Amino acid sequence: MGIPPKTTLAQIVSDRIRNYIIDNNLKPGDKLPSEKDLTEALSVSRTVVRESLKSLQAMGMIRIKAGEGIYVDDSTLKSVHNLLDYHWKTNGIQMKELFETRKVLELGAIKLAVENNDFEQIEEMDKWNQLYLEKINQNENPRAADIGFHRALFKATGNSTFYQLNEFTLEYFNKSFLGAINDSEKLIGSFEEHKEVIDWIKAKNVENAQKVMLRHFEPIQKFLDRYEDLKGANYETDREN
């Protein structure tokens, strides 16, 4: 059987190790054959096996413990997270793209939360929102409570992959828009919008809950529009100079 163009022997070995994990229904924490056993079973050099194992570890599929062995790792989309983290650190966070991503995730979470109908998690959203109000009334930073509310929304979906996708963007999103809303009256309005979202989810009305969430994002949209206008004006000034 010929090797496909641009496919290295290490890549083929990586594929076979992945298939071994799948075919044997191995779970996180299960031990894989040793490096020596893999070398003999796959009839390749130890150098090729080591290269393949390093690649799989970088992807978050396996974990190599020195002196102990090779184990299936709890990947939880680590490879995706690493790629996003690298992309944002090297190219900078594209605020508009990040905001658009957050909107899509939040609207999707509402639909899944309604379908999943997890009463306990919906109540958890309400608890975080009440804490959010308390922090506002006490003139304290409500950011942690706000994050808790949105995390509870994603937990209410019952979809762990969707929750992990949210976690990937949450930290960057909150850092980028940390100063977008700091007026107490607007923060109270944000609390009310949270409450409306919860009520519509309880009523199993996806459309209305999503409409409120879009309204919830409007201050950030305005902030972003001002930011883009300012950035464009500075660019034109630089060109003239």
C-alpha atoms as a PDB file:
ATOM      1  CA  MET A   1       0.000   0.000   0.000  1.00  0.00           C
ATOM      2  CA  GLY A   2       1.579   3.282  -1.134  1.00  0.00           C
ATOM      3  CA  ILE A   3       2.033   6.301   1.113  1.00  0.00           C
ATOM      4  CA  PRO A   4      -0.188   9.250   0.065  1.00  0.00           C
ATOM      5  CA  PRO A   5       1.648  12.333  -1.241  1.00  0.00           C
ATOM      6  CA  LYS A   6       3.053  14.637   1.473  1.00  0.00           C
ATOM      7  CA  THR A   7       2.171  12.091   4.159  1.00  0.00           C
ATOM      8  CA  THR A   8       5.132  11.168   6.351  1.00  0.00           C
ATOM      9  CA  LEU A   9       5.712   7.852   8.066  1.00  0.00           C
ATOM     10  CA  ALA A  10       5.285   9.592  11.429  1.00  0.00           C
ATOM     11  CA  GLN A  11       1.835  10.842  10.372  1.00  0.00           C
ATOM     12  CA  ILE A  12       0.809   7.340   9.347  1.00  0.00           C
ATOM     13  CA  VAL A  13       1.988   5.992  12.700  1.00  0.00           C
ATOM     14  CA  SER A  14       0.040   8.769  14.484  1.00  0.00           C
ATOM     15  CA  ASP A  15      -3.108   7.743  12.596  1.00  0.00           C
ATOM     16  CA  ARG A  16      -2.609   4.118  13.582  1.00  0.00           C
ATOM     17  CA  ILE A  17      -2.147   4.993  17.239  1.00  0.00           C
ATOM     18  CA  ARG A  18      -5.319   7.122  17.107  1.00  0.00           C
ATOM     19  CA  ASN A  19      -7.188   4.228  15.498  1.00  0.00           C
ATOM     20  CA  TYR A  20      -5.856   1.908  18.212  1.00  0.00           C
ATOM     21  CA  ILE A  21      -7.323   4.195  20.876  1.00  0.00           C
ATOM     22  CA  ILE A  22     -10.690   4.311  19.081  1.00  0.00           C
ATOM     23  CA  ASP A  23     -10.843   0.617  18.152  1.00  0.00           C
ATOM     24  CA  ASN A  24     -10.065  -0.437  21.729  1.00  0.00           C
ATOM     25  CA  ASN A  25     -12.473   2.106  23.193  1.00  0.00           C
ATOM     26  CA  LEU A  26      -9.754   3.517  25.445  1.00  0.00           C
ATOM     27  CA  LYS A  27     -10.747   6.275  27.861  1.00  0.00           C
ATOM     28  CA  PRO A  28      -8.778   9.113  29.492  1.00  0.00           C
ATOM     29  CA  GLY A  29      -6.304   7.585  31.940  1.00  0.00           C
ATOM     30  CA  ASP A  30      -6.039   4.244  30.103  1.00  0.00           C
ATOM     31  CA  LYS A  31      -2.499   3.128  29.385  1.00  0.00           C
ATOM     32  CA  LEU A  32      -1.137   2.602  25.868  1.00  0.00           C
ATOM     33  CA  PRO A  33       1.530   0.086  24.809  1.00  0.00           C
ATOM     34  CA  SER A  34       5.080   1.156  25.577  1.00  0.00           C
ATOM     35  CA  GLU A  35       7.274   2.961  23.076  1.00  0.00           C
ATOM     36  CA  LYS A  36       9.205  -0.306  22.554  1.00  0.00           C
ATOM     37  CA  ASP A  37       5.994  -2.314  21.968  1.00  0.00           C
ATOM     38  CA  LEU A  38       4.706   0.281  19.482  1.00  0.00           C
ATOM     39  CA  THR A  39       8.002   0.201  17.613  1.00  0.00           C
ATOM     40  CA  GLU A  40       7.802  -3.576  17.238  1.00  0.00           C
ATOM     41  CA  ALA A  41       4.063  -3.700  16.466  1.00  0.00           C
ATOM     42  CA  LEU A  42       4.249  -1.006  13.768  1.00  0.00           C
ATOM     43  CA  SER A  43       7.600  -2.157  12.338  1.00  0.00           C
ATOM     44  CA  VAL A  44       9.104   1.319  12.350  1.00  0.00           C
ATOM     45  CA  SER A  45      12.052   2.942  14.055  1.00  0.00           C
ATOM     46  CA  ARG A  46      11.894   4.265  17.604  1.00  0.00           C
ATOM     47  CA  THR A  47      12.607   7.754  16.208  1.00  0.00           C
ATOM     48  CA  VAL A  48       9.414   7.642  14.115  1.00  0.00           C
ATOM     49  CA  VAL A  49       7.353   6.431  17.093  1.00  0.00           C
ATOM     50  CA  ARG A  50       8.744   9.201  19.306  1.00  0.00           C
ATOM     51  CA  GLU A  51       7.919  11.835  16.691  1.00  0.00           C
ATOM     52  CA  SER A  52       4.368  10.497  16.417  1.00  0.00           C
ATOM     53  CA  LEU A  53       3.890  10.414  20.183  1.00  0.00           C
ATOM     54  CA  LYS A  54       5.144  14.000  20.544  1.00  0.00           C
ATOM     55  CA  SER A  55       2.665  15.082  17.876  1.00  0.00           C
ATOM     56  CA  LEU A  56      -0.230  13.299  19.595  1.00  0.00           C
ATOM     57  CA  GLN A  57       0.749  14.786  22.965  1.00  0.00           C
ATOM     58  CA  ALA A  58       0.827  18.290  21.454  1.00  0.00           C
ATOM     59  CA  MET A  59      -2.696  17.662  20.159  1.00  0.00           C
ATOM     60  CA  GLY A  60      -3.826  16.695  23.660  1.00  0.00           C
ATOM     61  CA  MET A  61      -4.680  13.097  22.752  1.00  0.00           C
ATOM     62  CA  ILE A  62      -2.069  11.378  24.909  1.00  0.00           C
ATOM     63  CA  ARG A  63       0.035  12.193  27.942  1.00  0.00           C
ATOM     64  CA  ILE A  64       3.581  10.851  28.311  1.00  0.00           C
ATOM     65  CA  LYS A  65       4.677  10.354  31.923  1.00  0.00           C
ATOM     66  CA  ALA A  66       8.415   9.970  32.294  1.00  0.00           C
ATOM     67  CA  GLY A  67       9.256   6.603  33.808  1.00  0.00           C
ATOM     68  CA  GLU A  68       5.584   5.553  33.912  1.00  0.00           C
ATOM     69  CA  GLY A  69       4.284   5.197  30.377  1.00  0.00           C
ATOM     70  CA  ILE A  70       1.902   6.607  27.794  1.00  0.00           C
ATOM     71  CA  TYR A  71      -1.698   7.381  28.701  1.00  0.00           C
ATOM     72  CA  VAL A  72      -4.823   8.539  26.891  1.00  0.00           C
ATOM     73  CA  ASP A  73      -5.323  12.168  27.867  1.00  0.00           C
ATOM     74  CA  ASP A  74      -8.554  14.017  28.597  1.00  0.00           C
ATOM     75  CA  SER A  75      -8.136  16.165  25.493  1.00  0.00           C
ATOM     76  CA  THR A  76     -11.272  18.360  26.005  1.00  0.00           C
ATOM     77  CA  LEU A  77     -10.525  20.121  22.723  1.00  0.00           C
ATOM     78  CA  LYS A  78      -7.029  21.108  23.901  1.00  0.00           C
ATOM     79  CA  SER A  79      -5.702  21.209  20.343  1.00  0.00           C
ATOM     80  CA  VAL A  80      -8.355  23.737  19.344  1.00  0.00           C
ATOM     81  CA  HIS A  81      -7.644  25.824  22.439  1.00  0.00           C
ATOM     82  CA  ASN A  82      -3.901  25.796  21.762  1.00  0.00           C
ATOM     83  CA  LEU A  83      -4.419  26.883  18.163  1.00  0.00           C
ATOM     84  CA  LEU A  84      -6.725  29.736  19.167  1.00  0.00           C
ATOM     85  CA  ASP A  85      -4.407  30.834  21.955  1.00  0.00           C
ATOM     86  CA  TYR A  86      -1.425  30.838  19.616  1.00  0.00           C
ATOM     87  CA  HIS A  87      -3.370  32.680  16.909  1.00  0.00           C
ATOM     88  CA  TRP A  88      -4.555  35.427  19.271  1.00  0.00           C
ATOM     89  CA  LYS A  89      -1.161  35.869  20.904  1.00  0.00           C
ATOM     90  CA  THR A  90       0.697  36.128  17.599  1.00  0.00           C
ATOM     91  CA  ASN A  91      -1.862  38.037  15.516  1.00  0.00           C
ATOM     92  CA  GLY A  92      -3.683  39.963  18.232  1.00  0.00           C
ATOM     93  CA  ILE A  93      -7.325  39.632  19.185  1.00  0.00           C
ATOM     94  CA  GLN A  94      -9.632  40.713  16.373  1.00  0.00           C
ATOM     95  CA  MET A  95     -12.312  42.360  18.502  1.00  0.00           C
ATOM     96  CA  LYS A  96     -15.027  42.335  15.853  1.00  0.00           C
ATOM     97  CA  GLU A  97     -14.493  38.646  15.087  1.00  0.00           C
ATOM     98  CA  LEU A  98     -14.399  37.773  18.782  1.00  0.00           C
ATOM     99  CA  PHE A  99     -17.640  39.664  19.401  1.00  0.00           C
ATOM    100  CA  GLU A 100     -19.381  37.981  16.471  1.00  0.00           C
ATOM    101  CA  THR A 101     -18.234  34.599  17.774  1.00  0.00           C
ATOM    102  CA  ARG A 102     -19.594  35.362  21.240  1.00  0.00           C
ATOM    103  CA  LYS A 103     -22.988  36.333  19.812  1.00  0.00           C
ATOM    104  CA  VAL A 104     -23.281  33.110  17.823  1.00  0.00           C
ATOM    105  CA  LEU A 105     -22.302  31.024  20.862  1.00  0.00           C
ATOM    106  CA  GLU A 106     -24.705  32.812  23.224  1.00  0.00           C
ATOM    107  CA  LEU A 107     -27.672  32.550  20.837  1.00  0.00           C
ATOM    108  CA  GLY A 108     -26.917  28.897  20.232  1.00  0.00           C
ATOM    109  CA  ALA A 109     -26.647  28.296  23.980  1.00  0.00           C
ATOM    110  CA  ILE A 110     -30.130  29.719  24.498  1.00  0.00           C
ATOM    111  CA  LYS A 111     -31.618  27.311  21.950  1.00  0.00           C
ATOM    112  CA  LEU A 112     -29.844  24.309  23.484  1.00  0.00           C
ATOM    113  CA  ALA A 113     -30.748  25.384  27.032  1.00  0.00           C
ATOM    114  CA  VAL A 114     -34.427  25.520  26.098  1.00  0.00           C
ATOM    115  CA  GLU A 115     -34.233  22.095  24.476  1.00  0.00           C
ATOM    116  CA  ASN A 116     -32.295  20.591  27.409  1.00  0.00           C
ATOM    117  CA  ASN A 117     -34.639  22.149  30.001  1.00  0.00           C
ATOM    118  CA  ASP A 118     -32.278  21.621  32.956  1.00  0.00           C
ATOM    119  CA  PHE A 119     -34.201  23.275  35.811  1.00  0.00           C
ATOM    120  CA  GLU A 120     -31.251  23.259  38.239  1.00  0.00           C
ATOM    121  CA  GLN A 121     -28.907  25.017  35.839  1.00  0.00           C
ATOM    122  CA  ILE A 122     -31.551  27.582  34.913  1.00  0.00           C
ATOM    123  CA  GLU A 123     -31.969  28.290  38.626  1.00  0.00           C
ATOM    124  CA  GLU A 124     -28.188  28.615  38.821  1.00  0.00           C
ATOM    125  CA  MET A 125     -28.382  31.354  36.210  1.00  0.00           C
ATOM    126  CA  ASP A 126     -30.867  33.163  38.437  1.00  0.00           C
ATOM    127  CA  LYS A 127     -28.584  32.842  41.508  1.00  0.00           C
ATOM    128  CA  TRP A 128     -25.665  34.379  39.631  1.00  0.00           C
ATOM    129  CA  ASN A 129     -27.887  37.165  38.370  1.00  0.00           C
ATOM    130  CA  GLN A 130     -29.038  37.979  41.893  1.00  0.00           C
ATOM    131  CA  LEU A 131     -25.409  38.126  42.985  1.00  0.00           C
ATOM    132  CA  TYR A 132     -24.751  40.402  40.003  1.00  0.00           C
ATOM    133  CA  LEU A 133     -27.422  42.802  41.333  1.00  0.00           C
ATOM    134  CA  GLU A 134     -26.011  42.664  44.864  1.00  0.00           C
ATOM    135  CA  LYS A 135     -22.555  43.627  43.598  1.00  0.00           C
ATOM    136  CA  ILE A 136     -24.009  46.565  41.672  1.00  0.00           C
ATOM    137  CA  ASN A 137     -25.943  47.793  44.724  1.00  0.00           C
ATOM    138  CA  GLN A 138     -22.822  47.488  46.873  1.00  0.00           C
ATOM    139  CA  ASN A 139     -20.765  49.457  44.321  1.00  0.00           C
ATOM    140  CA  GLU A 140     -18.558  46.414  43.794  1.00  0.00           C
ATOM    141  CA  ASN A 141     -17.292  44.985  40.528  1.00  0.00           C
ATOM    142  CA  PRO A 142     -20.003  42.580  39.227  1.00  0.00           C
ATOM    143  CA  ARG A 143     -17.785  41.040  36.551  1.00  0.00           C
ATOM    144  CA  ALA A 144     -17.330  37.648  38.279  1.00  0.00           C
ATOM    145  CA  ALA A 145     -21.093  37.316  38.779  1.00  0.00           C
ATOM    146  CA  ASP A 146     -21.681  38.247  35.143  1.00  0.00           C
ATOM    147  CA  ILE A 147     -19.247  35.546  34.029  1.00  0.00           C
ATOM    148  CA  GLY A 148     -20.983  33.091  36.379  1.00  0.00           C
ATOM    149  CA  PHE A 149     -24.350  33.871  34.778  1.00  0.00           C
ATOM    150  CA  HIS A 150     -23.086  33.234  31.254  1.00  0.00           C
ATOM    151  CA  ARG A 151     -21.232  30.081  32.311  1.00  0.00           C
ATOM    152  CA  ALA A 152     -24.428  28.767  33.896  1.00  0.00           C
ATOM    153  CA  LEU A 153     -26.232  29.415  30.600  1.00  0.00           C
ATOM    154  CA  PHE A 154     -23.725  27.248  28.761  1.00  0.00           C
ATOM    155  CA  LYS A 155     -23.905  24.534  31.427  1.00  0.00           C
ATOM    156  CA  ALA A 156     -27.677  24.570  30.962  1.00  0.00           C
ATOM    157  CA  THR A 157     -27.153  23.386  27.374  1.00  0.00           C
ATOM    158  CA  GLY A 158     -26.060  19.975  28.673  1.00  0.00           C
ATOM    159  CA  ASN A 159     -23.468  20.004  25.887  1.00  0.00           C
ATOM    160  CA  SER A 160     -19.899  19.764  27.247  1.00  0.00           C
ATOM    161  CA  THR A 161     -18.311  20.516  23.858  1.00  0.00           C
ATOM    162  CA  PHE A 162     -20.359  23.677  23.531  1.00  0.00           C
ATOM    163  CA  TYR A 163     -19.396  24.662  27.077  1.00  0.00           C
ATOM    164  CA  GLN A 164     -15.708  24.193  26.266  1.00  0.00           C
ATOM    165  CA  LEU A 165     -16.021  26.322  23.134  1.00  0.00           C
ATOM    166  CA  ASN A 166     -17.474  29.037  25.352  1.00  0.00           C
ATOM    167  CA  GLU A 167     -14.544  28.754  27.763  1.00  0.00           C
ATOM    168  CA  PHE A 168     -12.069  29.253  24.913  1.00  0.00           C
ATOM    169  CA  THR A 169     -13.442  32.675  24.067  1.00  0.00           C
ATOM    170  CA  LEU A 170     -14.723  33.787  27.481  1.00  0.00           C
ATOM    171  CA  GLU A 171     -11.402  34.919  28.968  1.00  0.00           C
ATOM    172  CA  TYR A 172     -10.390  36.934  25.893  1.00  0.00           C
ATOM    173  CA  PHE A 173     -13.864  38.373  25.459  1.00  0.00           C
ATOM    174  CA  ASN A 174     -14.066  39.661  29.021  1.00  0.00           C
ATOM    175  CA  LYS A 175     -10.556  41.119  28.885  1.00  0.00           C
ATOM    176  CA  SER A 176     -11.305  42.918  25.646  1.00  0.00           C
ATOM    177  CA  PHE A 177     -14.610  44.419  26.763  1.00  0.00           C
ATOM    178  CA  LEU A 178     -13.869  44.836  30.460  1.00  0.00           C
ATOM    179  CA  GLY A 179     -14.369  48.605  30.334  1.00  0.00           C
ATOM    180  CA  ALA A 180     -17.221  48.635  27.848  1.00  0.00           C
ATOM    181  CA  ILE A 181     -19.943  49.112  30.486  1.00  0.00           C
ATOM    182  CA  ASN A 182     -19.252  50.819  33.805  1.00  0.00           C
ATOM    183  CA  ASP A 183     -22.346  52.978  34.311  1.00  0.00           C
ATOM    184  CA  SER A 184     -24.520  51.757  37.226  1.00  0.00           C
ATOM    185  CA  GLU A 185     -27.782  52.472  35.380  1.00  0.00           C
ATOM    186  CA  LYS A 186     -26.621  50.434  32.396  1.00  0.00           C
ATOM    187  CA  LEU A 187     -25.464  47.648  34.697  1.00  0.00           C
ATOM    188  CA  ILE A 188     -28.937  47.508  36.249  1.00  0.00           C
ATOM    189  CA  GLY A 189     -30.324  47.310  32.708  1.00  0.00           C
ATOM    190  CA  SER A 190     -27.969  44.387  32.098  1.00  0.00           C
ATOM    191  CA  PHE A 191     -29.352  42.653  35.211  1.00  0.00           C
ATOM    192  CA  GLU A 192     -32.894  43.115  33.901  1.00  0.00           C
ATOM    193  CA  GLU A 193     -31.908  41.664  30.533  1.00  0.00           C
ATOM    194  CA  HIS A 194     -30.375  38.644  32.263  1.00  0.00           C
ATOM    195  CA  LYS A 195     -33.658  38.177  34.092  1.00  0.00           C
ATOM    196  CA  GLU A 196     -35.662  38.421  30.860  1.00  0.00           C
ATOM    197  CA  VAL A 197     -33.446  35.786  29.234  1.00  0.00           C
ATOM    198  CA  ILE A 198     -34.030  33.455  32.189  1.00  0.00           C
ATOM    199  CA  ASP A 199     -37.794  34.024  32.106  1.00  0.00           C
ATOM    200  CA  TRP A 200     -38.029  33.349  28.360  1.00  0.00           C
ATOM    201  CA  ILE A 201     -35.899  30.208  28.699  1.00  0.00           C
ATOM    202  CA  LYS A 202     -38.244  28.983  31.433  1.00  0.00           C
ATOM    203  CA  ALA A 203     -41.152  29.749  29.094  1.00  0.00           C
ATOM    204  CA  LYS A 204     -39.320  27.763  26.367  1.00  0.00           C
ATOM    205  CA  ASN A 205     -39.462  30.749  24.017  1.00  0.00           C
ATOM    206  CA  VAL A 206     -36.183  30.654  22.095  1.00  0.00           C
ATOM    207  CA  GLU A 207     -36.950  33.579  19.785  1.00  0.00           C
ATOM    208  CA  ASN A 208     -37.750  36.068  22.550  1.00  0.00           C
ATOM    209  CA  ALA A 209     -34.813  34.970  24.700  1.00  0.00           C
ATOM    210  CA  GLN A 210     -32.471  35.445  21.745  1.00  0.00           C
ATOM    211  CA  LYS A 211     -33.922  38.889  21.013  1.00  0.00           C
ATOM    212  CA  VAL A 212     -33.196  39.963  24.583  1.00  0.00           C
ATOM    213  CA  MET A 213     -29.652  38.592  24.366  1.00  0.00           C
ATOM    214  CA  LEU A 214     -29.045  40.585  21.182  1.00  0.00           C
ATOM    215  CA  ARG A 215     -30.290  43.688  22.987  1.00  0.00           C
ATOM    216  CA  HIS A 216     -27.988  42.762  25.875  1.00  0.00           C
ATOM    217  CA  PHE A 217     -25.041  42.944  23.471  1.00  0.00           C
ATOM    218  CA  GLU A 218     -25.974  46.337  21.983  1.00  0.00           C
ATOM    219  CA  PRO A 219     -23.791  48.442  24.357  1.00  0.00           C
ATOM    220  CA  ILE A 220     -20.792  46.336  23.413  1.00  0.00           C
ATOM    221  CA  GLN A 221     -21.692  46.704  19.731  1.00  0.00           C
ATOM    222  CA  LYS A 222     -21.761  50.493  20.149  1.00  0.00           C
ATOM    223  CA  PHE A 223     -18.473  50.404  22.027  1.00  0.00           C
ATOM    224  CA  LEU A 224     -16.956  48.306  19.249  1.00  0.00           C
ATOM    225  CA  ASP A 225     -18.293  50.620  16.531  1.00  0.00           C
ATOM    226  CA  ARG A 226     -16.704  53.614  18.276  1.00  0.00           C
ATOM    227  CA  TYR A 227     -13.457  51.697  18.608  1.00  0.00           C
ATOM    228  CA  GLU A 228     -13.434  50.804  14.906  1.00  0.00           C
ATOM    229  CA  ASP A 229     -14.220  54.420  13.924  1.00  0.00           C
ATOM    230  CA  LEU A 230     -11.402  55.700  16.129  1.00  0.00           C
ATOM    231  CA  LYS A 231      -8.978  53.133  14.766  1.00  0.00           C
ATOM    232  CA  GLY A 232      -9.948  54.108  11.202  1.00  0.00           C
ATOM    233  CA  ALA A 233      -9.494  57.805  11.946  1.00  0.00           C
ATOM    234  CA  ASN A 234      -6.051  57.174  13.427  1.00  0.00           C
ATOM    235  CA  TYR A 235      -5.105  55.151  10.361  1.00  0.00           C
ATOM    236  CA  GLU A 236      -6.088  58.006   8.038  1.00  0.00           C
ATOM    237  CA  THR A 237      -4.135  60.488  10.176  1.00  0.00           C
ATOM    238  CA  ASP A 238      -1.060  58.293  10.005  1.00  0.00           C
ATOM    239  CA  ARG A 239      -1.353  58.097   6.237  1.00  0.00           C
ATOM    240  CA  GLU A 240      -1.583  61.887   5.928  1.00  0.00           C
ATOM    241  CA  ASN A 241       1.479  62.328   8.125  1.00  0.00           C
END
